[in-house]
Amino acid sequence: MTNRALLADALAGLRARPKRMNPKWFYDAEGSALFERITDLPEYYPTRTELSILRREVGRIAAAVPEGAALVELGSGASTKTRVLLDALGGLGAYVPIDVSEGFLAEVARKLDLAYPGLRVAPLAGDFLGRLALPEEVRDLPKVAFFPGSTIGNLDPEEARDLLARVRAWDGIAAFVLGVDLVKDTATLVRAYDDAAGVTAEFNRNLLRRLNREAGGTFDVESFDHAARWNARHARIEMHLVSRAAQEVSLGGTILRFDAGESIHTENSHKYRPETVARAAEETGWEVDDFLTDERDFFGVAILRPAGAG
């Protein structure tokens, strides 16, 4: 059965100049599993660095979470990092993982139910960039948003500010715990998105496999190379799928033409500085209550509070 939302989004992006895809479509079951493998790669520092910050500073983070609050995680994935917080937050009222991969989310929720039998787990399948309604059972609880993994870097600056503003508008919002990857040397950044084992390349190409499977595509997956590029002007890593030769591909019956060397821009990963986080927070009704980093200043965890909340 054709995934009509995927097909419509893909056709819009692949008819554009330059060609592009929304990175949210990476995360089918296979894509989610590949990303979990990426997080264990030696070149991919963000996950282990953020985990080290969370473990070391969990007490300071816990102090920002009111008793009985609902912890709402945006783009929860396997909820690995969240367990650090769940272990430290005995008085938590509920945990709401939000993820686009419904099957993957259901399995994660099942495991969390077993691991934390006293915790109310209320999974919500959907795109956190959309206007999702939080589950009724947590509506009256104070809320703390959790957005780890530097996933905010996948959003354009305008999208990131829009997300911050929408979370700020939640009833009962008390804090926002936000993970951001920091600007650093180019070689370290590029290696993190172009690993020697080729796992990130497979993660990127899996998008084409999904288009073939769910949107009637005829992509020759191996005729596209993975590329990771540092864009200094916009302070971001870009991921691309580059056509090795001139070729035609059918997608849902529509013919798409690629020149040799033409790319599909599949993802951005913006890198932040502490001052850019503070500016985005100020523009959207937040203030930085704390900014936690590792010893190399590779990664940051910002604790945001509603401006003027005292």
C-alpha atoms as a PDB file:
ATOM      1  CA  MET A   1       0.000   0.000   0.000  1.00  0.00           C
ATOM      2  CA  THR A   2       1.349   3.420  -0.953  1.00  0.00           C
ATOM      3  CA  ASN A   3       2.292   5.789   1.834  1.00  0.00           C
ATOM      4  CA  ARG A   4       0.575   8.825   0.322  1.00  0.00           C
ATOM      5  CA  ALA A   5       2.063  11.331   2.776  1.00  0.00           C
ATOM      6  CA  LEU A   6       5.570  10.097   1.997  1.00  0.00           C
ATOM      7  CA  LEU A   7       4.911  10.110  -1.750  1.00  0.00           C
ATOM      8  CA  ALA A   8       3.507  13.652  -1.754  1.00  0.00           C
ATOM      9  CA  ASP A   9       6.353  14.993   0.378  1.00  0.00           C
ATOM     10  CA  ALA A  10       8.979  13.188  -1.702  1.00  0.00           C
ATOM     11  CA  LEU A  11       7.602  14.433  -5.017  1.00  0.00           C
ATOM     12  CA  ALA A  12       7.547  18.010  -3.722  1.00  0.00           C
ATOM     13  CA  GLY A  13      11.139  17.757  -2.544  1.00  0.00           C
ATOM     14  CA  LEU A  14      12.542  15.861  -5.525  1.00  0.00           C
ATOM     15  CA  ARG A  15      10.963  18.216  -8.061  1.00  0.00           C
ATOM     16  CA  ALA A  16      12.584  21.176  -6.269  1.00  0.00           C
ATOM     17  CA  ARG A  17      15.959  22.699  -7.147  1.00  0.00           C
ATOM     18  CA  PRO A  18      18.122  21.608  -5.489  1.00  0.00           C
ATOM     19  CA  LYS A  19      16.463  18.263  -4.725  1.00  0.00           C
ATOM     20  CA  ARG A  20      15.747  17.594  -1.065  1.00  0.00           C
ATOM     21  CA  MET A  21      13.985  15.258   1.341  1.00  0.00           C
ATOM     22  CA  ASN A  22      12.591  15.836   4.830  1.00  0.00           C
ATOM     23  CA  PRO A  23      14.776  13.889   7.303  1.00  0.00           C
ATOM     24  CA  LYS A  24      11.723  12.756   9.272  1.00  0.00           C
ATOM     25  CA  TRP A  25      11.318  10.022   6.625  1.00  0.00           C
ATOM     26  CA  PHE A  26      14.584   8.385   7.720  1.00  0.00           C
ATOM     27  CA  TYR A  27      12.852   6.814  10.668  1.00  0.00           C
ATOM     28  CA  ASP A  28      10.987   3.723   9.621  1.00  0.00           C
ATOM     29  CA  ALA A  29      11.816   0.608  11.675  1.00  0.00           C
ATOM     30  CA  GLU A  30      15.013  -0.072   9.703  1.00  0.00           C
ATOM     31  CA  GLY A  31      16.086   3.559   9.803  1.00  0.00           C
ATOM     32  CA  SER A  32      15.511   3.776  13.552  1.00  0.00           C
ATOM     33  CA  ALA A  33      17.560   0.599  14.076  1.00  0.00           C
ATOM     34  CA  LEU A  34      20.377   1.931  11.881  1.00  0.00           C
ATOM     35  CA  PHE A  35      20.430   5.181  13.818  1.00  0.00           C
ATOM     36  CA  GLU A  36      20.767   3.251  17.083  1.00  0.00           C
ATOM     37  CA  ARG A  37      23.839   1.572  15.549  1.00  0.00           C
ATOM     38  CA  ILE A  38      25.215   4.994  14.587  1.00  0.00           C
ATOM     39  CA  THR A  39      25.020   6.159  18.187  1.00  0.00           C
ATOM     40  CA  ASP A  40      27.501   3.407  19.162  1.00  0.00           C
ATOM     41  CA  LEU A  41      30.077   4.247  16.476  1.00  0.00           C
ATOM     42  CA  PRO A  42      33.490   5.523  17.659  1.00  0.00           C
ATOM     43  CA  GLU A  43      33.239   8.572  15.371  1.00  0.00           C
ATOM     44  CA  TYR A  44      29.783   9.550  16.595  1.00  0.00           C
ATOM     45  CA  TYR A  45      30.584  11.482  19.773  1.00  0.00           C
ATOM     46  CA  PRO A  46      27.193  13.225  20.414  1.00  0.00           C
ATOM     47  CA  THR A  47      25.377  10.328  22.097  1.00  0.00           C
ATOM     48  CA  ARG A  48      28.076   9.242  24.521  1.00  0.00           C
ATOM     49  CA  THR A  49      29.061  12.837  25.269  1.00  0.00           C
ATOM     50  CA  GLU A  50      25.501  13.871  26.037  1.00  0.00           C
ATOM     51  CA  LEU A  51      25.018  10.746  28.156  1.00  0.00           C
ATOM     52  CA  SER A  52      28.098  11.633  30.192  1.00  0.00           C
ATOM     53  CA  ILE A  53      26.657  15.107  30.835  1.00  0.00           C
ATOM     54  CA  LEU A  54      23.248  13.721  31.800  1.00  0.00           C
ATOM     55  CA  ARG A  55      24.768  11.191  34.206  1.00  0.00           C
ATOM     56  CA  ARG A  56      27.103  13.712  35.809  1.00  0.00           C
ATOM     57  CA  GLU A  57      24.537  16.501  36.078  1.00  0.00           C
ATOM     58  CA  VAL A  58      21.313  14.554  36.620  1.00  0.00           C
ATOM     59  CA  GLY A  59      20.819  16.177  40.003  1.00  0.00           C
ATOM     60  CA  ARG A  60      20.835  19.669  38.497  1.00  0.00           C
ATOM     61  CA  ILE A  61      18.425  18.545  35.786  1.00  0.00           C
ATOM     62  CA  ALA A  62      16.135  16.854  38.307  1.00  0.00           C
ATOM     63  CA  ALA A  63      15.916  20.114  40.242  1.00  0.00           C
ATOM     64  CA  ALA A  64      14.125  21.644  37.243  1.00  0.00           C
ATOM     65  CA  VAL A  65      11.414  18.935  37.230  1.00  0.00           C
ATOM     66  CA  PRO A  66       8.436  19.582  39.540  1.00  0.00           C
ATOM     67  CA  GLU A  67       7.011  16.770  41.661  1.00  0.00           C
ATOM     68  CA  GLY A  68       4.383  14.837  39.707  1.00  0.00           C
ATOM     69  CA  ALA A  69       5.366  16.351  36.348  1.00  0.00           C
ATOM     70  CA  ALA A  70       4.957  14.718  32.958  1.00  0.00           C
ATOM     71  CA  LEU A  71       8.266  14.330  31.146  1.00  0.00           C
ATOM     72  CA  VAL A  72       7.500  14.788  27.437  1.00  0.00           C
ATOM     73  CA  GLU A  73      10.243  13.625  25.078  1.00  0.00           C
ATOM     74  CA  LEU A  74      10.259  14.889  21.495  1.00  0.00           C
ATOM     75  CA  GLY A  75      11.554  12.328  18.999  1.00  0.00           C
ATOM     76  CA  SER A  76      12.113   9.718  21.695  1.00  0.00           C
ATOM     77  CA  GLY A  77      13.658   6.901  19.610  1.00  0.00           C
ATOM     78  CA  ALA A  78      14.804   4.124  21.947  1.00  0.00           C
ATOM     79  CA  SER A  79      14.519   6.406  25.024  1.00  0.00           C
ATOM     80  CA  THR A  80      18.044   5.357  26.056  1.00  0.00           C
ATOM     81  CA  LYS A  81      19.090   8.718  27.480  1.00  0.00           C
ATOM     82  CA  THR A  82      15.712   9.184  29.103  1.00  0.00           C
ATOM     83  CA  ARG A  83      16.378   6.271  31.427  1.00  0.00           C
ATOM     84  CA  VAL A  84      19.065   8.349  33.138  1.00  0.00           C
ATOM     85  CA  LEU A  85      16.353  10.849  34.061  1.00  0.00           C
ATOM     86  CA  LEU A  86      13.699   8.239  34.827  1.00  0.00           C
ATOM     87  CA  ASP A  87      16.065   6.553  37.285  1.00  0.00           C
ATOM     88  CA  ALA A  88      16.560   9.861  39.100  1.00  0.00           C
ATOM     89  CA  LEU A  89      12.980  11.158  39.035  1.00  0.00           C
ATOM     90  CA  GLY A  90      11.106   9.010  41.514  1.00  0.00           C
ATOM     91  CA  GLY A  91       8.225  11.455  41.790  1.00  0.00           C
ATOM     92  CA  LEU A  92       7.524  11.703  38.076  1.00  0.00           C
ATOM     93  CA  GLY A  93       3.829  11.701  37.198  1.00  0.00           C
ATOM     94  CA  ALA A  94       4.134  10.342  33.654  1.00  0.00           C
ATOM     95  CA  TYR A  95       6.457   9.876  30.712  1.00  0.00           C
ATOM     96  CA  VAL A  96       5.211  10.783  27.219  1.00  0.00           C
ATOM     97  CA  PRO A  97       7.537   9.568  24.432  1.00  0.00           C
ATOM     98  CA  ILE A  98       6.686  11.101  21.031  1.00  0.00           C
ATOM     99  CA  ASP A  99       8.032   9.480  17.865  1.00  0.00           C
ATOM    100  CA  VAL A 100       7.003   9.123  14.210  1.00  0.00           C
ATOM    101  CA  SER A 101       7.775   5.381  14.053  1.00  0.00           C
ATOM    102  CA  GLU A 102       4.642   3.889  15.617  1.00  0.00           C
ATOM    103  CA  GLY A 103       5.811   0.273  15.689  1.00  0.00           C
ATOM    104  CA  PHE A 104       9.207   1.154  17.138  1.00  0.00           C
ATOM    105  CA  LEU A 105       7.529   3.423  19.710  1.00  0.00           C
ATOM    106  CA  ALA A 106       5.127   0.686  20.826  1.00  0.00           C
ATOM    107  CA  GLU A 107       8.017  -1.702  21.469  1.00  0.00           C
ATOM    108  CA  VAL A 108       9.959   0.925  23.413  1.00  0.00           C
ATOM    109  CA  ALA A 109       6.870   1.718  25.515  1.00  0.00           C
ATOM    110  CA  ARG A 110       6.406  -1.988  26.278  1.00  0.00           C
ATOM    111  CA  LYS A 111       9.992  -2.252  27.535  1.00  0.00           C
ATOM    112  CA  LEU A 112       9.593   0.872  29.652  1.00  0.00           C
ATOM    113  CA  ASP A 113       6.395  -0.500  31.218  1.00  0.00           C
ATOM    114  CA  LEU A 114       8.388  -3.549  32.298  1.00  0.00           C
ATOM    115  CA  ALA A 115      11.390  -1.564  33.526  1.00  0.00           C
ATOM    116  CA  TYR A 116       9.364   1.085  35.392  1.00  0.00           C
ATOM    117  CA  PRO A 117       6.176  -0.633  36.600  1.00  0.00           C
ATOM    118  CA  GLY A 118       5.127   2.319  38.768  1.00  0.00           C
ATOM    119  CA  LEU A 119       5.472   4.888  35.992  1.00  0.00           C
ATOM    120  CA  ARG A 120       2.619   5.920  33.744  1.00  0.00           C
ATOM    121  CA  VAL A 121       3.933   5.648  30.157  1.00  0.00           C
ATOM    122  CA  ALA A 122       1.711   7.369  27.576  1.00  0.00           C
ATOM    123  CA  PRO A 123       3.303   7.005  24.100  1.00  0.00           C
ATOM    124  CA  LEU A 124       2.199   9.393  21.379  1.00  0.00           C
ATOM    125  CA  ALA A 125       2.867   8.463  17.736  1.00  0.00           C
ATOM    126  CA  GLY A 126       3.265  11.438  15.447  1.00  0.00           C
ATOM    127  CA  ASP A 127       5.454  14.233  14.165  1.00  0.00           C
ATOM    128  CA  PHE A 128       6.412  16.575  17.000  1.00  0.00           C
ATOM    129  CA  LEU A 129       6.751  19.365  14.436  1.00  0.00           C
ATOM    130  CA  GLY A 130       3.019  19.133  13.897  1.00  0.00           C
ATOM    131  CA  ARG A 131       0.386  20.405  16.296  1.00  0.00           C
ATOM    132  CA  LEU A 132       0.016  17.309  18.409  1.00  0.00           C
ATOM    133  CA  ALA A 133      -2.394  17.200  21.338  1.00  0.00           C
ATOM    134  CA  LEU A 134      -0.764  15.719  24.422  1.00  0.00           C
ATOM    135  CA  PRO A 135      -2.574  12.738  25.960  1.00  0.00           C
ATOM    136  CA  GLU A 136      -5.607  13.636  28.059  1.00  0.00           C
ATOM    137  CA  GLU A 137      -4.157  11.832  31.078  1.00  0.00           C
ATOM    138  CA  VAL A 138      -1.272  14.336  31.390  1.00  0.00           C
ATOM    139  CA  ARG A 139      -3.138  17.500  30.446  1.00  0.00           C
ATOM    140  CA  ASP A 140      -3.419  18.804  34.023  1.00  0.00           C
ATOM    141  CA  LEU A 141       0.122  17.863  35.080  1.00  0.00           C
ATOM    142  CA  PRO A 142       3.073  20.249  35.071  1.00  0.00           C
ATOM    143  CA  LYS A 143       5.212  19.462  32.042  1.00  0.00           C
ATOM    144  CA  VAL A 144       8.912  19.304  31.273  1.00  0.00           C
ATOM    145  CA  ALA A 145       9.948  18.914  27.640  1.00  0.00           C
ATOM    146  CA  PHE A 146      13.008  16.778  26.908  1.00  0.00           C
ATOM    147  CA  PHE A 147      14.676  17.074  23.490  1.00  0.00           C
ATOM    148  CA  PRO A 148      18.051  15.324  23.618  1.00  0.00           C
ATOM    149  CA  GLY A 149      20.399  14.145  20.911  1.00  0.00           C
ATOM    150  CA  SER A 150      20.924  17.526  19.231  1.00  0.00           C
ATOM    151  CA  THR A 151      17.868  16.700  17.110  1.00  0.00           C
ATOM    152  CA  ILE A 152      17.003  20.386  17.160  1.00  0.00           C
ATOM    153  CA  GLY A 153      20.000  20.736  14.850  1.00  0.00           C
ATOM    154  CA  ASN A 154      18.001  18.957  12.117  1.00  0.00           C
ATOM    155  CA  LEU A 155      15.637  21.926  12.055  1.00  0.00           C
ATOM    156  CA  ASP A 156      16.243  25.156  10.203  1.00  0.00           C
ATOM    157  CA  PRO A 157      16.636  28.106  12.610  1.00  0.00           C
ATOM    158  CA  GLU A 158      13.078  29.277  11.896  1.00  0.00           C
ATOM    159  CA  GLU A 159      11.694  25.784  12.563  1.00  0.00           C
ATOM    160  CA  ALA A 160      13.698  25.548  15.774  1.00  0.00           C
ATOM    161  CA  ARG A 161      12.327  28.856  17.032  1.00  0.00           C
ATOM    162  CA  ASP A 162       8.804  27.787  16.078  1.00  0.00           C
ATOM    163  CA  LEU A 163       9.210  24.570  18.072  1.00  0.00           C
ATOM    164  CA  LEU A 164      10.529  26.449  21.098  1.00  0.00           C
ATOM    165  CA  ALA A 165       7.600  28.852  20.901  1.00  0.00           C
ATOM    166  CA  ARG A 166       4.999  26.070  20.607  1.00  0.00           C
ATOM    167  CA  VAL A 167       6.397  24.164  23.590  1.00  0.00           C
ATOM    168  CA  ARG A 168       6.483  27.420  25.554  1.00  0.00           C
ATOM    169  CA  ALA A 169       2.726  27.691  24.914  1.00  0.00           C
ATOM    170  CA  TRP A 170       1.917  24.307  26.517  1.00  0.00           C
ATOM    171  CA  ASP A 171      -0.349  24.566  29.549  1.00  0.00           C
ATOM    172  CA  GLY A 172       1.701  23.954  32.679  1.00  0.00           C
ATOM    173  CA  ILE A 173       5.104  24.012  30.987  1.00  0.00           C
ATOM    174  CA  ALA A 174       7.793  24.259  33.677  1.00  0.00           C
ATOM    175  CA  ALA A 175      11.086  23.626  31.835  1.00  0.00           C
ATOM    176  CA  PHE A 176      12.697  22.488  28.618  1.00  0.00           C
ATOM    177  CA  VAL A 177      15.811  20.267  28.761  1.00  0.00           C
ATOM    178  CA  LEU A 178      17.481  20.673  25.362  1.00  0.00           C
ATOM    179  CA  GLY A 179      20.524  18.910  23.912  1.00  0.00           C
ATOM    180  CA  VAL A 180      22.624  20.836  21.377  1.00  0.00           C
ATOM    181  CA  ASP A 181      25.749  19.834  19.482  1.00  0.00           C
ATOM    182  CA  LEU A 182      28.358  22.585  19.623  1.00  0.00           C
ATOM    183  CA  VAL A 183      30.545  24.049  16.870  1.00  0.00           C
ATOM    184  CA  LYS A 184      33.994  22.424  16.805  1.00  0.00           C
ATOM    185  CA  ASP A 185      36.749  21.476  14.347  1.00  0.00           C
ATOM    186  CA  THR A 186      35.576  20.436  10.890  1.00  0.00           C
ATOM    187  CA  ALA A 187      37.336  17.054  10.800  1.00  0.00           C
ATOM    188  CA  THR A 188      35.601  15.848  13.967  1.00  0.00           C
ATOM    189  CA  LEU A 189      32.229  16.999  12.666  1.00  0.00           C
ATOM    190  CA  VAL A 190      32.551  15.352   9.246  1.00  0.00           C
ATOM    191  CA  ARG A 191      33.801  12.024  10.669  1.00  0.00           C
ATOM    192  CA  ALA A 192      30.732  11.864  12.919  1.00  0.00           C
ATOM    193  CA  TYR A 193      28.502  11.807   9.804  1.00  0.00           C
ATOM    194  CA  ASP A 194      30.715   9.715   7.511  1.00  0.00           C
ATOM    195  CA  ASP A 195      31.955   6.803   9.595  1.00  0.00           C
ATOM    196  CA  ALA A 196      34.552   4.314   8.394  1.00  0.00           C
ATOM    197  CA  ALA A 197      32.167   1.338   8.699  1.00  0.00           C
ATOM    198  CA  GLY A 198      29.617   2.959   6.381  1.00  0.00           C
ATOM    199  CA  VAL A 199      26.680   2.707   8.788  1.00  0.00           C
ATOM    200  CA  THR A 200      25.689   6.353   8.250  1.00  0.00           C
ATOM    201  CA  ALA A 201      25.843   5.789   4.491  1.00  0.00           C
ATOM    202  CA  GLU A 202      23.374   2.903   4.862  1.00  0.00           C
ATOM    203  CA  PHE A 203      21.154   5.029   7.084  1.00  0.00           C
ATOM    204  CA  ASN A 204      21.101   7.684   4.359  1.00  0.00           C
ATOM    205  CA  ARG A 205      20.483   5.195   1.523  1.00  0.00           C
ATOM    206  CA  ASN A 206      17.726   3.497   3.515  1.00  0.00           C
ATOM    207  CA  LEU A 207      15.621   6.521   2.628  1.00  0.00           C
ATOM    208  CA  LEU A 208      15.728   5.375  -1.002  1.00  0.00           C
ATOM    209  CA  ARG A 209      14.791   1.827  -0.005  1.00  0.00           C
ATOM    210  CA  ARG A 210      11.812   3.237   1.852  1.00  0.00           C
ATOM    211  CA  LEU A 211      10.760   5.232  -1.209  1.00  0.00           C
ATOM    212  CA  ASN A 212      10.965   2.057  -3.288  1.00  0.00           C
ATOM    213  CA  ARG A 213       8.953   0.056  -0.778  1.00  0.00           C
ATOM    214  CA  GLU A 214       6.317   2.588   0.284  1.00  0.00           C
ATOM    215  CA  ALA A 215       6.054   5.098  -2.560  1.00  0.00           C
ATOM    216  CA  GLY A 216       6.464   3.077  -5.747  1.00  0.00           C
ATOM    217  CA  GLY A 217      10.067   4.112  -6.343  1.00  0.00           C
ATOM    218  CA  THR A 218      12.542   2.462  -8.708  1.00  0.00           C
ATOM    219  CA  PHE A 219      15.748   3.844  -7.178  1.00  0.00           C
ATOM    220  CA  ASP A 220      18.944   1.868  -7.777  1.00  0.00           C
ATOM    221  CA  VAL A 221      20.147   2.431  -4.242  1.00  0.00           C
ATOM    222  CA  GLU A 222      23.793   1.614  -4.942  1.00  0.00           C
ATOM    223  CA  SER A 223      23.960   4.233  -7.699  1.00  0.00           C
ATOM    224  CA  PHE A 224      23.838   6.979  -5.034  1.00  0.00           C
ATOM    225  CA  ASP A 225      26.831   7.851  -2.865  1.00  0.00           C
ATOM    226  CA  HIS A 226      26.598   9.183   0.671  1.00  0.00           C
ATOM    227  CA  ALA A 227      28.268  12.556   1.317  1.00  0.00           C
ATOM    228  CA  ALA A 228      28.699  14.606   4.496  1.00  0.00           C
ATOM    229  CA  ARG A 229      29.703  18.277   4.058  1.00  0.00           C
ATOM    230  CA  TRP A 230      30.426  21.084   6.502  1.00  0.00           C
ATOM    231  CA  ASN A 231      28.681  24.343   5.583  1.00  0.00           C
ATOM    232  CA  ALA A 232      30.578  26.976   7.559  1.00  0.00           C
ATOM    233  CA  ARG A 233      28.284  29.826   6.537  1.00  0.00           C
ATOM    234  CA  HIS A 234      25.255  28.174   8.120  1.00  0.00           C
ATOM    235  CA  ALA A 235      27.209  26.280  10.827  1.00  0.00           C
ATOM    236  CA  ARG A 236      25.785  22.921   9.803  1.00  0.00           C
ATOM    237  CA  ILE A 237      26.702  19.480   8.567  1.00  0.00           C
ATOM    238  CA  GLU A 238      24.767  18.538   5.431  1.00  0.00           C
ATOM    239  CA  MET A 239      24.033  14.979   4.342  1.00  0.00           C
ATOM    240  CA  HIS A 240      23.510  14.276   0.650  1.00  0.00           C
ATOM    241  CA  LEU A 241      22.816  11.332  -1.639  1.00  0.00           C
ATOM    242  CA  VAL A 242      24.803  11.963  -4.819  1.00  0.00           C
ATOM    243  CA  SER A 243      23.878  10.347  -8.139  1.00  0.00           C
ATOM    244  CA  ARG A 244      26.859   8.566  -9.659  1.00  0.00           C
ATOM    245  CA  ALA A 245      25.532   8.950 -13.210  1.00  0.00           C
ATOM    246  CA  ALA A 246      22.773  10.555 -15.228  1.00  0.00           C
ATOM    247  CA  GLN A 247      19.677   8.466 -14.599  1.00  0.00           C
ATOM    248  CA  GLU A 248      15.892   8.410 -14.518  1.00  0.00           C
ATOM    249  CA  VAL A 249      13.831   7.136 -11.590  1.00  0.00           C
ATOM    250  CA  SER A 250      10.101   6.543 -11.367  1.00  0.00           C
ATOM    251  CA  LEU A 251       8.359   7.534  -8.147  1.00  0.00           C
ATOM    252  CA  GLY A 252       4.662   6.757  -7.923  1.00  0.00           C
ATOM    253  CA  GLY A 253       4.544   6.877 -11.726  1.00  0.00           C
ATOM    254  CA  THR A 254       6.315  10.239 -11.973  1.00  0.00           C
ATOM    255  CA  ILE A 255       9.652  10.278 -13.804  1.00  0.00           C
ATOM    256  CA  LEU A 256      12.476  12.085 -12.005  1.00  0.00           C
ATOM    257  CA  ARG A 257      15.750  12.867 -13.760  1.00  0.00           C
ATOM    258  CA  PHE A 258      19.162  13.095 -12.104  1.00  0.00           C
ATOM    259  CA  ASP A 259      22.341  14.486 -13.605  1.00  0.00           C
ATOM    260  CA  ALA A 260      25.671  12.867 -12.789  1.00  0.00           C
ATOM    261  CA  GLY A 261      26.855  14.425  -9.523  1.00  0.00           C
ATOM    262  CA  GLU A 262      23.419  15.825  -8.668  1.00  0.00           C
ATOM    263  CA  SER A 263      22.461  15.336  -5.058  1.00  0.00           C
ATOM    264  CA  ILE A 264      19.424  14.915  -2.845  1.00  0.00           C
ATOM    265  CA  HIS A 265      19.935  17.048   0.250  1.00  0.00           C
ATOM    266  CA  THR A 266      18.601  14.711   2.942  1.00  0.00           C
ATOM    267  CA  GLU A 267      19.505  16.301   6.268  1.00  0.00           C
ATOM    268  CA  ASN A 268      20.999  19.308   8.011  1.00  0.00           C
ATOM    269  CA  SER A 269      22.567  19.123  11.440  1.00  0.00           C
ATOM    270  CA  HIS A 270      23.040  22.656  12.736  1.00  0.00           C
ATOM    271  CA  LYS A 271      25.700  23.209  15.365  1.00  0.00           C
ATOM    272  CA  TYR A 272      25.216  25.746  18.118  1.00  0.00           C
ATOM    273  CA  ARG A 273      27.146  28.107  20.327  1.00  0.00           C
ATOM    274  CA  PRO A 274      25.934  28.972  23.850  1.00  0.00           C
ATOM    275  CA  GLU A 275      25.081  32.491  22.724  1.00  0.00           C
ATOM    276  CA  THR A 276      22.916  31.260  19.823  1.00  0.00           C
ATOM    277  CA  VAL A 277      20.970  29.031  22.230  1.00  0.00           C
ATOM    278  CA  ALA A 278      20.437  31.990  24.564  1.00  0.00           C
ATOM    279  CA  ARG A 279      19.278  34.195  21.706  1.00  0.00           C
ATOM    280  CA  ALA A 280      16.796  31.605  20.394  1.00  0.00           C
ATOM    281  CA  ALA A 281      15.476  31.107  23.930  1.00  0.00           C
ATOM    282  CA  GLU A 282      15.018  34.827  24.506  1.00  0.00           C
ATOM    283  CA  GLU A 283      13.159  35.224  21.202  1.00  0.00           C
ATOM    284  CA  THR A 284      10.654  32.497  22.115  1.00  0.00           C
ATOM    285  CA  GLY A 285       9.763  33.249  25.729  1.00  0.00           C
ATOM    286  CA  TRP A 286      12.442  31.236  27.519  1.00  0.00           C
ATOM    287  CA  GLU A 287      15.561  31.994  29.493  1.00  0.00           C
ATOM    288  CA  VAL A 288      18.627  29.785  30.004  1.00  0.00           C
ATOM    289  CA  ASP A 289      18.619  28.656  33.624  1.00  0.00           C
ATOM    290  CA  ASP A 290      21.704  26.455  33.214  1.00  0.00           C
ATOM    291  CA  PHE A 291      24.012  25.356  30.396  1.00  0.00           C
ATOM    292  CA  LEU A 292      25.876  22.099  31.020  1.00  0.00           C
ATOM    293  CA  THR A 293      28.835  20.958  28.893  1.00  0.00           C
ATOM    294  CA  ASP A 294      31.536  18.276  28.802  1.00  0.00           C
ATOM    295  CA  GLU A 295      35.222  18.883  29.425  1.00  0.00           C
ATOM    296  CA  ARG A 296      35.940  19.441  25.704  1.00  0.00           C
ATOM    297  CA  ASP A 297      32.896  21.681  25.106  1.00  0.00           C
ATOM    298  CA  PHE A 298      31.734  19.289  22.386  1.00  0.00           C
ATOM    299  CA  PHE A 299      28.099  19.177  23.505  1.00  0.00           C
ATOM    300  CA  GLY A 300      25.693  21.214  25.603  1.00  0.00           C
ATOM    301  CA  VAL A 301      22.554  20.501  27.615  1.00  0.00           C
ATOM    302  CA  ALA A 302      20.532  23.669  28.170  1.00  0.00           C
ATOM    303  CA  ILE A 303      17.930  23.905  30.920  1.00  0.00           C
ATOM    304  CA  LEU A 304      15.370  26.475  29.824  1.00  0.00           C
ATOM    305  CA  ARG A 305      12.691  27.998  32.031  1.00  0.00           C
ATOM    306  CA  PRO A 306       9.764  30.173  30.992  1.00  0.00           C
ATOM    307  CA  ALA A 307      10.976  33.780  31.013  1.00  0.00           C
ATOM    308  CA  GLY A 308       9.848  35.631  34.108  1.00  0.00           C
ATOM    309  CA  ALA A 309       8.912  32.447  35.986  1.00  0.00           C
ATOM    310  CA  GLY A 310      11.321  33.232  38.776  1.00  0.00           C
END
